[in-house]
Amino acid sequence: MCFIKHDPQWLPWARATLTDALLHDQVFINPLIYAELSIMYQASAQLDQVLNVLGIERAELPWEAAYLAGQAFVRYRRQGGGKTSPLPDFYIGAHAQSAGFKLLTRDVKRYRTYFPGVLLITPDSHPTP
């Protein structure tokens, strides 16, 4: 998301990493990521155009991901997590796990804790060239 928001701290890493991913792999977003991105656009057509130009695919959330998100949320609550409903990150991590997707993120701790099988693309694993 920082790629599209032009966050000066993370823009070089995000741009390089996303460009590399777009050249070598399919890149997917799900409805939750779409919702996060939508706040930066006046109309869905604008966001759709950006995603289409970049070649970013849309993937639906499978039912298995919803189950995995719930299970991760239970572990989170048992470890003292304060939210009362599953966070979008749990759905995103569960989706990546159930579909075998790699996940581009700066939020390493939550995904490694609750979805250790997901291959993360992070600033540590892919520093800015």
C-alpha atoms as a PDB file:
ATOM      1  CA  MET A   1       0.000   0.000   0.000  1.00  0.00           C
ATOM      2  CA  CYS A   2       2.854   2.397   0.678  1.00  0.00           C
ATOM      3  CA  PHE A   3       3.773   2.073  -3.023  1.00  0.00           C
ATOM      4  CA  ILE A   4       0.539   3.731  -4.024  1.00  0.00           C
ATOM      5  CA  LYS A   5       0.503   6.219  -1.109  1.00  0.00           C
ATOM      6  CA  HIS A   6       4.056   7.376  -1.886  1.00  0.00           C
ATOM      7  CA  ASP A   7       5.255   6.965   1.707  1.00  0.00           C
ATOM      8  CA  PRO A   8       8.768   8.474   1.499  1.00  0.00           C
ATOM      9  CA  GLN A   9      10.245   6.089   4.068  1.00  0.00           C
ATOM     10  CA  TRP A  10       9.099   2.914   2.345  1.00  0.00           C
ATOM     11  CA  LEU A  11       8.554   3.997  -1.257  1.00  0.00           C
ATOM     12  CA  PRO A  12      11.933   2.854  -2.657  1.00  0.00           C
ATOM     13  CA  TRP A  13      11.635  -0.608  -1.108  1.00  0.00           C
ATOM     14  CA  ALA A  14       7.958  -0.993  -2.006  1.00  0.00           C
ATOM     15  CA  ARG A  15       8.441   0.186  -5.592  1.00  0.00           C
ATOM     16  CA  ALA A  16      11.429  -2.100  -6.211  1.00  0.00           C
ATOM     17  CA  THR A  17       9.832  -5.105  -4.527  1.00  0.00           C
ATOM     18  CA  LEU A  18       6.465  -4.719  -6.215  1.00  0.00           C
ATOM     19  CA  THR A  19       8.110  -4.143  -9.606  1.00  0.00           C
ATOM     20  CA  ASP A  20      10.169  -7.304  -9.152  1.00  0.00           C
ATOM     21  CA  ALA A  21       7.088  -9.268  -8.134  1.00  0.00           C
ATOM     22  CA  LEU A  22       5.095  -7.981 -11.111  1.00  0.00           C
ATOM     23  CA  LEU A  23       7.919  -9.002 -13.475  1.00  0.00           C
ATOM     24  CA  HIS A  24       8.388 -12.502 -12.058  1.00  0.00           C
ATOM     25  CA  ASP A  25       5.099 -13.563 -10.454  1.00  0.00           C
ATOM     26  CA  GLN A  26       1.405 -12.956 -10.476  1.00  0.00           C
ATOM     27  CA  VAL A  27       0.428 -10.370  -7.873  1.00  0.00           C
ATOM     28  CA  PHE A  28      -2.933 -10.706  -6.153  1.00  0.00           C
ATOM     29  CA  ILE A  29      -5.011  -8.609  -3.815  1.00  0.00           C
ATOM     30  CA  ASN A  30      -8.181  -9.697  -2.058  1.00  0.00           C
ATOM     31  CA  PRO A  31     -11.282  -7.652  -1.144  1.00  0.00           C
ATOM     32  CA  LEU A  32      -9.753  -6.538   2.166  1.00  0.00           C
ATOM     33  CA  ILE A  33      -6.654  -5.126   0.498  1.00  0.00           C
ATOM     34  CA  TYR A  34      -8.875  -3.568  -2.164  1.00  0.00           C
ATOM     35  CA  ALA A  35     -10.843  -1.850   0.621  1.00  0.00           C
ATOM     36  CA  GLU A  36      -7.621  -0.544   2.189  1.00  0.00           C
ATOM     37  CA  LEU A  37      -6.507   0.859  -1.161  1.00  0.00           C
ATOM     38  CA  SER A  38      -9.928   2.310  -2.001  1.00  0.00           C
ATOM     39  CA  ILE A  39      -9.635   5.121   0.525  1.00  0.00           C
ATOM     40  CA  MET A  40      -7.067   6.799  -1.727  1.00  0.00           C
ATOM     41  CA  TYR A  41      -9.372   7.064  -4.761  1.00  0.00           C
ATOM     42  CA  GLN A  42     -12.528   9.024  -5.504  1.00  0.00           C
ATOM     43  CA  ALA A  43     -14.089   6.181  -7.506  1.00  0.00           C
ATOM     44  CA  SER A  44     -13.624   2.438  -7.826  1.00  0.00           C
ATOM     45  CA  ALA A  45     -12.965   2.902 -11.543  1.00  0.00           C
ATOM     46  CA  GLN A  46      -9.800   4.867 -10.708  1.00  0.00           C
ATOM     47  CA  LEU A  47      -8.499   2.120  -8.426  1.00  0.00           C
ATOM     48  CA  ASP A  48      -9.450  -0.553 -10.953  1.00  0.00           C
ATOM     49  CA  GLN A  49      -7.521   1.316 -13.638  1.00  0.00           C
ATOM     50  CA  VAL A  50      -4.389   1.473 -11.455  1.00  0.00           C
ATOM     51  CA  LEU A  51      -4.638  -2.243 -10.652  1.00  0.00           C
ATOM     52  CA  ASN A  52      -5.195  -3.115 -14.303  1.00  0.00           C
ATOM     53  CA  VAL A  53      -2.251  -1.003 -15.498  1.00  0.00           C
ATOM     54  CA  LEU A  54      -0.022  -2.655 -12.891  1.00  0.00           C
ATOM     55  CA  GLY A  55      -1.325  -6.118 -13.765  1.00  0.00           C
ATOM     56  CA  ILE A  56      -2.493  -6.839 -10.231  1.00  0.00           C
ATOM     57  CA  GLU A  57      -5.043  -9.661 -10.095  1.00  0.00           C
ATOM     58  CA  ARG A  58      -8.028  -9.887  -7.762  1.00  0.00           C
ATOM     59  CA  ALA A  59      -8.559 -13.036  -5.703  1.00  0.00           C
ATOM     60  CA  GLU A  60     -11.626 -13.880  -3.643  1.00  0.00           C
ATOM     61  CA  LEU A  61     -11.243 -14.930  -0.024  1.00  0.00           C
ATOM     62  CA  PRO A  62     -11.796 -18.690   0.234  1.00  0.00           C
ATOM     63  CA  TRP A  63     -13.839 -20.189   3.074  1.00  0.00           C
ATOM     64  CA  GLU A  64     -10.729 -22.015   4.331  1.00  0.00           C
ATOM     65  CA  ALA A  65      -9.061 -18.630   4.831  1.00  0.00           C
ATOM     66  CA  ALA A  66     -11.985 -17.469   6.975  1.00  0.00           C
ATOM     67  CA  TYR A  67     -11.575 -20.546   9.171  1.00  0.00           C
ATOM     68  CA  LEU A  68      -7.804 -20.064   9.473  1.00  0.00           C
ATOM     69  CA  ALA A  69      -8.312 -16.370  10.290  1.00  0.00           C
ATOM     70  CA  GLY A  70     -10.691 -17.304  13.095  1.00  0.00           C
ATOM     71  CA  GLN A  71      -8.259 -19.839  14.507  1.00  0.00           C
ATOM     72  CA  ALA A  72      -5.400 -17.329  14.410  1.00  0.00           C
ATOM     73  CA  PHE A  73      -7.638 -14.783  16.099  1.00  0.00           C
ATOM     74  CA  VAL A  74      -8.381 -17.225  18.936  1.00  0.00           C
ATOM     75  CA  ARG A  75      -4.626 -17.643  19.518  1.00  0.00           C
ATOM     76  CA  TYR A  76      -4.213 -13.859  19.409  1.00  0.00           C
ATOM     77  CA  ARG A  77      -6.917 -13.331  22.053  1.00  0.00           C
ATOM     78  CA  ARG A  78      -5.462 -16.063  24.285  1.00  0.00           C
ATOM     79  CA  GLN A  79      -2.117 -14.250  24.110  1.00  0.00           C
ATOM     80  CA  GLY A  80      -3.726 -11.037  25.341  1.00  0.00           C
ATOM     81  CA  GLY A  81      -4.814  -9.424  22.072  1.00  0.00           C
ATOM     82  CA  GLY A  82      -7.308  -6.665  22.709  1.00  0.00           C
ATOM     83  CA  LYS A  83      -9.513  -6.574  19.632  1.00  0.00           C
ATOM     84  CA  THR A  84     -12.949  -8.202  19.834  1.00  0.00           C
ATOM     85  CA  SER A  85     -13.282  -9.264  16.202  1.00  0.00           C
ATOM     86  CA  PRO A  86     -10.762 -10.703  13.722  1.00  0.00           C
ATOM     87  CA  LEU A  87      -8.488  -8.096  12.236  1.00  0.00           C
ATOM     88  CA  PRO A  88      -8.105  -7.755   8.451  1.00  0.00           C
ATOM     89  CA  ASP A  89      -4.483  -8.882   8.797  1.00  0.00           C
ATOM     90  CA  PHE A  90      -5.692 -12.277  10.017  1.00  0.00           C
ATOM     91  CA  TYR A  91      -7.827 -12.701   6.899  1.00  0.00           C
ATOM     92  CA  ILE A  92      -4.970 -11.554   4.670  1.00  0.00           C
ATOM     93  CA  GLY A  93      -2.498 -13.933   6.327  1.00  0.00           C
ATOM     94  CA  ALA A  94      -4.968 -16.807   6.237  1.00  0.00           C
ATOM     95  CA  HIS A  95      -5.658 -16.158   2.567  1.00  0.00           C
ATOM     96  CA  ALA A  96      -1.940 -16.230   1.787  1.00  0.00           C
ATOM     97  CA  GLN A  97      -1.552 -19.467   3.742  1.00  0.00           C
ATOM     98  CA  SER A  98      -4.544 -21.257   2.238  1.00  0.00           C
ATOM     99  CA  ALA A  99      -3.695 -20.221  -1.335  1.00  0.00           C
ATOM    100  CA  GLY A 100       0.074 -20.645  -1.025  1.00  0.00           C
ATOM    101  CA  PHE A 101       0.685 -16.978  -1.823  1.00  0.00           C
ATOM    102  CA  LYS A 102       3.778 -15.034  -0.802  1.00  0.00           C
ATOM    103  CA  LEU A 103       2.918 -11.947   1.218  1.00  0.00           C
ATOM    104  CA  LEU A 104       4.548  -8.548   0.721  1.00  0.00           C
ATOM    105  CA  THR A 105       4.421  -6.771   4.082  1.00  0.00           C
ATOM    106  CA  ARG A 106       6.238  -4.629   6.608  1.00  0.00           C
ATOM    107  CA  ASP A 107       4.145  -6.175   9.448  1.00  0.00           C
ATOM    108  CA  VAL A 108       6.492  -9.098   9.998  1.00  0.00           C
ATOM    109  CA  LYS A 109       5.714  -9.923  13.630  1.00  0.00           C
ATOM    110  CA  ARG A 110       1.986 -10.636  13.285  1.00  0.00           C
ATOM    111  CA  TYR A 111       2.332 -12.750  10.153  1.00  0.00           C
ATOM    112  CA  ARG A 112       5.306 -14.753  11.459  1.00  0.00           C
ATOM    113  CA  THR A 113       3.504 -15.332  14.760  1.00  0.00           C
ATOM    114  CA  TYR A 114       0.139 -16.451  13.411  1.00  0.00           C
ATOM    115  CA  PHE A 115       1.000 -17.691   9.898  1.00  0.00           C
ATOM    116  CA  PRO A 116       4.551 -19.054  10.155  1.00  0.00           C
ATOM    117  CA  GLY A 117       4.182 -21.083   6.956  1.00  0.00           C
ATOM    118  CA  VAL A 118       3.595 -18.023   4.784  1.00  0.00           C
ATOM    119  CA  LEU A 119       6.620 -16.840   2.835  1.00  0.00           C
ATOM    120  CA  LEU A 120       6.985 -13.143   3.637  1.00  0.00           C
ATOM    121  CA  ILE A 121       8.529 -10.558   1.363  1.00  0.00           C
ATOM    122  CA  THR A 122       9.766  -7.922   3.796  1.00  0.00           C
ATOM    123  CA  PRO A 123      12.256  -5.050   3.892  1.00  0.00           C
ATOM    124  CA  ASP A 124      14.649  -7.433   5.690  1.00  0.00           C
ATOM    125  CA  SER A 125      14.355 -10.152   3.054  1.00  0.00           C
ATOM    126  CA  HIS A 126      14.338  -7.763   0.071  1.00  0.00           C
ATOM    127  CA  PRO A 127      16.238  -4.598   0.932  1.00  0.00           C
ATOM    128  CA  THR A 128      16.095  -1.602  -1.348  1.00  0.00           C
ATOM    129  CA  PRO A 129      18.494  -2.102  -4.277  1.00  0.00           C
END
